[in-house]
Amino acid sequence: VISISNIILVLATFSLVMGVFLNPQIW
């Protein structure tokens, strides 16, 4: 559970941060 959750957490955070970087007004 910890391993799967951490993998999803890091990848989702990476995707979110890159999306905000490419479009700062996405919020």
PDB file of all heavy atoms in Angstrom:
ATOM      1  N   VAL A   1       0.832  -1.205   0.000  1.00  0.00           N
ATOM      2  CA  VAL A   1       0.000   0.000   0.000  1.00  0.00           C
ATOM      3  C   VAL A   1       0.864   1.252   0.000  1.00  0.00           C
ATOM      4  O   VAL A   1       0.607   2.207  -0.757  1.00  0.00           O
ATOM      5  CB  VAL A   1      -0.944  -0.005   1.218  1.00  0.00           C
ATOM      6  CG1 VAL A   1      -1.661   1.338   1.359  1.00  0.00           C
ATOM      7  CG2 VAL A   1      -1.970  -1.125   1.098  1.00  0.00           C
ATOM      8  N   ILE A   2       1.905   1.278   0.818  1.00  0.00           N
ATOM      9  CA  ILE A   2       2.781   2.450   0.873  1.00  0.00           C
ATOM     10  C   ILE A   2       3.492   2.650  -0.465  1.00  0.00           C
ATOM     11  O   ILE A   2       3.574   3.783  -0.976  1.00  0.00           O
ATOM     12  CB  ILE A   2       3.802   2.309   2.017  1.00  0.00           C
ATOM     13  CG1 ILE A   2       3.098   2.339   3.375  1.00  0.00           C
ATOM     14  CG2 ILE A   2       4.840   3.428   1.951  1.00  0.00           C
ATOM     15  CD1 ILE A   2       4.025   2.116   4.563  1.00  0.00           C
ATOM     16  N   SER A   3       3.993   1.586  -1.044  1.00  0.00           N
ATOM     17  CA  SER A   3       4.733   1.695  -2.306  1.00  0.00           C
ATOM     18  C   SER A   3       3.840   2.197  -3.431  1.00  0.00           C
ATOM     19  O   SER A   3       4.196   3.136  -4.161  1.00  0.00           O
ATOM     20  CB  SER A   3       5.348   0.343  -2.677  1.00  0.00           C
ATOM     21  OG  SER A   3       6.256  -0.094  -1.690  1.00  0.00           O
ATOM     22  N   ILE A   4       2.659   1.585  -3.581  1.00  0.00           N
ATOM     23  CA  ILE A   4       1.740   2.009  -4.639  1.00  0.00           C
ATOM     24  C   ILE A   4       1.295   3.451  -4.419  1.00  0.00           C
ATOM     25  O   ILE A   4       1.259   4.263  -5.355  1.00  0.00           O
ATOM     26  CB  ILE A   4       0.529   1.059  -4.702  1.00  0.00           C
ATOM     27  CG1 ILE A   4       0.965  -0.338  -5.128  1.00  0.00           C
ATOM     28  CG2 ILE A   4      -0.530   1.595  -5.665  1.00  0.00           C
ATOM     29  CD1 ILE A   4      -0.143  -1.374  -5.054  1.00  0.00           C
ATOM     30  N   SER A   5       0.966   3.797  -3.188  1.00  0.00           N
ATOM     31  CA  SER A   5       0.504   5.154  -2.887  1.00  0.00           C
ATOM     32  C   SER A   5       1.589   6.189  -3.156  1.00  0.00           C
ATOM     33  O   SER A   5       1.325   7.260  -3.704  1.00  0.00           O
ATOM     34  CB  SER A   5       0.045   5.237  -1.432  1.00  0.00           C
ATOM     35  OG  SER A   5      -1.029   4.354  -1.179  1.00  0.00           O
ATOM     36  N   ASN A   6       2.820   5.876  -2.773  1.00  0.00           N
ATOM     37  CA  ASN A   6       3.913   6.824  -2.998  1.00  0.00           C
ATOM     38  C   ASN A   6       4.197   7.034  -4.477  1.00  0.00           C
ATOM     39  O   ASN A   6       4.488   8.150  -4.915  1.00  0.00           O
ATOM     40  CB  ASN A   6       5.180   6.337  -2.288  1.00  0.00           C
ATOM     41  CG  ASN A   6       5.104   6.499  -0.784  1.00  0.00           C
ATOM     42  OD1 ASN A   6       4.170   7.096  -0.262  1.00  0.00           O
ATOM     43  ND2 ASN A   6       6.081   5.964  -0.084  1.00  0.00           N
ATOM     44  N   ILE A   7       4.128   5.969  -5.258  1.00  0.00           N
ATOM     45  CA  ILE A   7       4.341   6.096  -6.702  1.00  0.00           C
ATOM     46  C   ILE A   7       3.279   6.998  -7.319  1.00  0.00           C
ATOM     47  O   ILE A   7       3.579   7.921  -8.096  1.00  0.00           O
ATOM     48  CB  ILE A   7       4.335   4.711  -7.365  1.00  0.00           C
ATOM     49  CG1 ILE A   7       5.564   3.902  -6.936  1.00  0.00           C
ATOM     50  CG2 ILE A   7       4.301   4.838  -8.886  1.00  0.00           C
ATOM     51  CD1 ILE A   7       5.546   2.459  -7.384  1.00  0.00           C
ATOM     52  N   ILE A   8       2.019   6.760  -6.966  1.00  0.00           N
ATOM     53  CA  ILE A   8       0.931   7.588  -7.498  1.00  0.00           C
ATOM     54  C   ILE A   8       1.073   9.023  -7.019  1.00  0.00           C
ATOM     55  O   ILE A   8       0.863   9.986  -7.787  1.00  0.00           O
ATOM     56  CB  ILE A   8      -0.431   7.003  -7.082  1.00  0.00           C
ATOM     57  CG1 ILE A   8      -0.630   5.622  -7.709  1.00  0.00           C
ATOM     58  CG2 ILE A   8      -1.572   7.933  -7.483  1.00  0.00           C
ATOM     59  CD1 ILE A   8      -1.889   4.908  -7.240  1.00  0.00           C
ATOM     60  N   LEU A   9       1.443   9.208  -5.748  1.00  0.00           N
ATOM     61  CA  LEU A   9       1.575  10.547  -5.186  1.00  0.00           C
ATOM     62  C   LEU A   9       2.642  11.358  -5.916  1.00  0.00           C
ATOM     63  O   LEU A   9       2.412  12.520  -6.295  1.00  0.00           O
ATOM     64  CB  LEU A   9       1.913  10.443  -3.700  1.00  0.00           C
ATOM     65  CG  LEU A   9       2.216  11.753  -2.952  1.00  0.00           C
ATOM     66  CD1 LEU A   9       1.023  12.683  -3.007  1.00  0.00           C
ATOM     67  CD2 LEU A   9       2.619  11.465  -1.514  1.00  0.00           C
ATOM     68  N   VAL A  10       3.803  10.769  -6.129  1.00  0.00           N
ATOM     69  CA  VAL A  10       4.893  11.489  -6.793  1.00  0.00           C
ATOM     70  C   VAL A  10       4.537  11.803  -8.241  1.00  0.00           C
ATOM     71  O   VAL A  10       4.764  12.928  -8.724  1.00  0.00           O
ATOM     72  CB  VAL A  10       6.192  10.665  -6.710  1.00  0.00           C
ATOM     73  CG1 VAL A  10       7.294  11.313  -7.547  1.00  0.00           C
ATOM     74  CG2 VAL A  10       6.650  10.544  -5.267  1.00  0.00           C
ATOM     75  N   LEU A  11       3.973  10.844  -8.958  1.00  0.00           N
ATOM     76  CA  LEU A  11       3.629  11.067 -10.365  1.00  0.00           C
ATOM     77  C   LEU A  11       2.510  12.099 -10.512  1.00  0.00           C
ATOM     78  O   LEU A  11       2.554  12.958 -11.408  1.00  0.00           O
ATOM     79  CB  LEU A  11       3.219   9.742 -11.018  1.00  0.00           C
ATOM     80  CG  LEU A  11       4.332   8.702 -11.167  1.00  0.00           C
ATOM     81  CD1 LEU A  11       3.791   7.432 -11.821  1.00  0.00           C
ATOM     82  CD2 LEU A  11       5.492   9.257 -11.983  1.00  0.00           C
ATOM     83  N   ALA A  12       1.499  12.048  -9.635  1.00  0.00           N
ATOM     84  CA  ALA A  12       0.411  13.027  -9.699  1.00  0.00           C
ATOM     85  C   ALA A  12       0.924  14.430  -9.379  1.00  0.00           C
ATOM     86  O   ALA A  12       0.514  15.408 -10.015  1.00  0.00           O
ATOM     87  CB  ALA A  12      -0.707  12.627  -8.736  1.00  0.00           C
ATOM     88  N   THR A  13       1.802  14.534  -8.385  1.00  0.00           N
ATOM     89  CA  THR A  13       2.387  15.837  -8.051  1.00  0.00           C
ATOM     90  C   THR A  13       3.220  16.367  -9.202  1.00  0.00           C
ATOM     91  O   THR A  13       3.147  17.561  -9.541  1.00  0.00           O
ATOM     92  CB  THR A  13       3.250  15.722  -6.787  1.00  0.00           C
ATOM     93  OG1 THR A  13       2.478  15.174  -5.724  1.00  0.00           O
ATOM     94  CG2 THR A  13       3.779  17.077  -6.367  1.00  0.00           C
ATOM     95  N   PHE A  14       4.016  15.498  -9.804  1.00  0.00           N
ATOM     96  CA  PHE A  14       4.829  15.892 -10.953  1.00  0.00           C
ATOM     97  C   PHE A  14       3.944  16.394 -12.095  1.00  0.00           C
ATOM     98  O   PHE A  14       4.229  17.435 -12.707  1.00  0.00           O
ATOM     99  CB  PHE A  14       5.667  14.699 -11.410  1.00  0.00           C
ATOM    100  CG  PHE A  14       6.424  14.926 -12.688  1.00  0.00           C
ATOM    101  CD1 PHE A  14       7.585  15.668 -12.696  1.00  0.00           C
ATOM    102  CD2 PHE A  14       5.964  14.392 -13.880  1.00  0.00           C
ATOM    103  CE1 PHE A  14       8.278  15.886 -13.876  1.00  0.00           C
ATOM    104  CE2 PHE A  14       6.656  14.593 -15.056  1.00  0.00           C
ATOM    105  CZ  PHE A  14       7.822  15.341 -15.063  1.00  0.00           C
ATOM    106  N   SER A  15       2.867  15.687 -12.387  1.00  0.00           N
ATOM    107  CA  SER A  15       1.958  16.093 -13.459  1.00  0.00           C
ATOM    108  C   SER A  15       1.290  17.428 -13.144  1.00  0.00           C
ATOM    109  O   SER A  15       1.175  18.305 -14.006  1.00  0.00           O
ATOM    110  CB  SER A  15       0.902  15.006 -13.674  1.00  0.00           C
ATOM    111  OG  SER A  15      -0.024  15.388 -14.665  1.00  0.00           O
ATOM    112  N   LEU A  16       0.866  17.621 -11.887  1.00  0.00           N
ATOM    113  CA  LEU A  16       0.223  18.868 -11.492  1.00  0.00           C
ATOM    114  C   LEU A  16       1.178  20.051 -11.590  1.00  0.00           C
ATOM    115  O   LEU A  16       0.831  21.114 -12.124  1.00  0.00           O
ATOM    116  CB  LEU A  16      -0.316  18.744 -10.070  1.00  0.00           C
ATOM    117  CG  LEU A  16      -0.959  20.006  -9.467  1.00  0.00           C
ATOM    118  CD1 LEU A  16      -2.218  20.369 -10.220  1.00  0.00           C
ATOM    119  CD2 LEU A  16      -1.261  19.804  -7.986  1.00  0.00           C
ATOM    120  N   VAL A  17       2.384  19.874 -11.087  1.00  0.00           N
ATOM    121  CA  VAL A  17       3.368  20.970 -11.096  1.00  0.00           C
ATOM    122  C   VAL A  17       3.743  21.351 -12.525  1.00  0.00           C
ATOM    123  O   VAL A  17       3.850  22.541 -12.857  1.00  0.00           O
ATOM    124  CB  VAL A  17       4.614  20.562 -10.284  1.00  0.00           C
ATOM    125  CG1 VAL A  17       5.738  21.569 -10.478  1.00  0.00           C
ATOM    126  CG2 VAL A  17       4.267  20.462  -8.814  1.00  0.00           C
ATOM    127  N   MET A  18       3.920  20.367 -13.388  1.00  0.00           N
ATOM    128  CA  MET A  18       4.243  20.669 -14.782  1.00  0.00           C
ATOM    129  C   MET A  18       3.081  21.367 -15.473  1.00  0.00           C
ATOM    130  O   MET A  18       3.281  22.279 -16.286  1.00  0.00           O
ATOM    131  CB  MET A  18       4.615  19.389 -15.522  1.00  0.00           C
ATOM    132  CG  MET A  18       5.958  18.804 -15.119  1.00  0.00           C
ATOM    133  SD  MET A  18       7.321  19.972 -15.279  1.00  0.00           S
ATOM    134  CE  MET A  18       7.244  20.377 -17.021  1.00  0.00           C
ATOM    135  N   GLY A  19       1.851  20.969 -15.144  1.00  0.00           N
ATOM    136  CA  GLY A  19       0.686  21.633 -15.729  1.00  0.00           C
ATOM    137  C   GLY A  19       0.583  23.084 -15.310  1.00  0.00           C
ATOM    138  O   GLY A  19       0.279  23.962 -16.128  1.00  0.00           O
ATOM    139  N   VAL A  20       0.865  23.369 -14.039  1.00  0.00           N
ATOM    140  CA  VAL A  20       0.834  24.746 -13.547  1.00  0.00           C
ATOM    141  C   VAL A  20       1.969  25.556 -14.149  1.00  0.00           C
ATOM    142  O   VAL A  20       1.812  26.739 -14.465  1.00  0.00           O
ATOM    143  CB  VAL A  20       0.904  24.766 -12.007  1.00  0.00           C
ATOM    144  CG1 VAL A  20       1.051  26.187 -11.479  1.00  0.00           C
ATOM    145  CG2 VAL A  20      -0.331  24.119 -11.408  1.00  0.00           C
ATOM    146  N   PHE A  21       3.128  24.941 -14.326  1.00  0.00           N
ATOM    147  CA  PHE A  21       4.261  25.642 -14.921  1.00  0.00           C
ATOM    148  C   PHE A  21       3.968  26.036 -16.369  1.00  0.00           C
ATOM    149  O   PHE A  21       4.297  27.143 -16.805  1.00  0.00           O
ATOM    150  CB  PHE A  21       5.508  24.765 -14.852  1.00  0.00           C
ATOM    151  CG  PHE A  21       6.701  25.356 -15.542  1.00  0.00           C
ATOM    152  CD1 PHE A  21       7.436  26.367 -14.943  1.00  0.00           C
ATOM    153  CD2 PHE A  21       7.086  24.902 -16.789  1.00  0.00           C
ATOM    154  CE1 PHE A  21       8.533  26.923 -15.587  1.00  0.00           C
ATOM    155  CE2 PHE A  21       8.189  25.449 -17.437  1.00  0.00           C
ATOM    156  CZ  PHE A  21       8.909  26.454 -16.836  1.00  0.00           C
ATOM    157  N   LEU A  22       3.357  25.139 -17.126  1.00  0.00           N
ATOM    158  CA  LEU A  22       3.051  25.426 -18.524  1.00  0.00           C
ATOM    159  C   LEU A  22       1.892  26.410 -18.671  1.00  0.00           C
ATOM    160  O   LEU A  22       1.834  27.160 -19.644  1.00  0.00           O
ATOM    161  CB  LEU A  22       2.727  24.120 -19.257  1.00  0.00           C
ATOM    162  CG  LEU A  22       3.889  23.113 -19.358  1.00  0.00           C
ATOM    163  CD1 LEU A  22       3.413  21.822 -19.997  1.00  0.00           C
ATOM    164  CD2 LEU A  22       5.049  23.710 -20.152  1.00  0.00           C
ATOM    165  N   ASN A  23       0.964  26.411 -17.698  1.00  0.00           N
ATOM    166  CA  ASN A  23      -0.182  27.322 -17.749  1.00  0.00           C
ATOM    167  C   ASN A  23      -0.455  27.850 -16.349  1.00  0.00           C
ATOM    168  O   ASN A  23      -1.248  27.266 -15.604  1.00  0.00           O
ATOM    169  CB  ASN A  23      -1.417  26.609 -18.312  1.00  0.00           C
ATOM    170  CG  ASN A  23      -2.615  27.554 -18.427  1.00  0.00           C
ATOM    171  OD1 ASN A  23      -2.473  28.768 -18.348  1.00  0.00           O
ATOM    172  ND2 ASN A  23      -3.796  26.980 -18.628  1.00  0.00           N
ATOM    173  N   PRO A  24       0.207  28.955 -15.930  1.00  0.00           N
ATOM    174  CA  PRO A  24       0.036  29.474 -14.572  1.00  0.00           C
ATOM    175  C   PRO A  24      -1.400  29.848 -14.225  1.00  0.00           C
ATOM    176  O   PRO A  24      -1.754  29.912 -13.052  1.00  0.00           O
ATOM    177  CB  PRO A  24       0.951  30.706 -14.541  1.00  0.00           C
ATOM    178  CG  PRO A  24       1.944  30.469 -15.642  1.00  0.00           C
ATOM    179  CD  PRO A  24       1.192  29.722 -16.685  1.00  0.00           C
ATOM    180  N   GLN A  25      -2.234  30.119 -15.231  1.00  0.00           N
ATOM    181  CA  GLN A  25      -3.619  30.520 -14.982  1.00  0.00           C
ATOM    182  C   GLN A  25      -4.588  29.345 -14.997  1.00  0.00           C
ATOM    183  O   GLN A  25      -5.803  29.548 -15.062  1.00  0.00           O
ATOM    184  CB  GLN A  25      -4.067  31.554 -16.030  1.00  0.00           C
ATOM    185  CG  GLN A  25      -3.425  32.923 -15.859  1.00  0.00           C
ATOM    186  CD  GLN A  25      -4.009  33.935 -16.816  1.00  0.00           C
ATOM    187  OE1 GLN A  25      -4.134  33.682 -18.005  1.00  0.00           O
ATOM    188  NE2 GLN A  25      -4.393  35.084 -16.303  1.00  0.00           N
ATOM    189  N   ILE A  26      -4.056  28.139 -14.890  1.00  0.00           N
ATOM    190  CA  ILE A  26      -4.924  26.964 -14.978  1.00  0.00           C
ATOM    191  C   ILE A  26      -5.918  26.909 -13.826  1.00  0.00           C
ATOM    192  O   ILE A  26      -7.003  26.339 -13.936  1.00  0.00           O
ATOM    193  CB  ILE A  26      -4.072  25.683 -15.031  1.00  0.00           C
ATOM    194  CG1 ILE A  26      -4.919  24.506 -15.528  1.00  0.00           C
ATOM    195  CG2 ILE A  26      -3.450  25.382 -13.679  1.00  0.00           C
ATOM    196  CD1 ILE A  26      -4.105  23.283 -15.860  1.00  0.00           C
ATOM    197  N   TRP A  27      -5.557  27.528 -12.646  1.00  0.00           N
ATOM    198  CA  TRP A  27      -6.475  27.543 -11.509  1.00  0.00           C
ATOM    199  C   TRP A  27      -7.654  28.470 -11.740  1.00  0.00           C
ATOM    200  O   TRP A  27      -8.637  28.407 -11.002  1.00  0.00           O
ATOM    201  CB  TRP A  27      -5.730  27.976 -10.244  1.00  0.00           C
ATOM    202  CG  TRP A  27      -4.622  27.081  -9.846  1.00  0.00           C
ATOM    203  CD1 TRP A  27      -3.288  27.359  -9.872  1.00  0.00           C
ATOM    204  CD2 TRP A  27      -4.725  25.737  -9.371  1.00  0.00           C
ATOM    205  NE1 TRP A  27      -2.555  26.278  -9.442  1.00  0.00           N
ATOM    206  CE2 TRP A  27      -3.409  25.272  -9.117  1.00  0.00           C
ATOM    207  CE3 TRP A  27      -5.799  24.876  -9.122  1.00  0.00           C
ATOM    208  CZ2 TRP A  27      -3.150  23.991  -8.642  1.00  0.00           C
ATOM    209  CZ3 TRP A  27      -5.526  23.601  -8.644  1.00  0.00           C
ATOM    210  CH2 TRP A  27      -4.224  23.170  -8.414  1.00  0.00           C
TER     211      TRP A  27
END
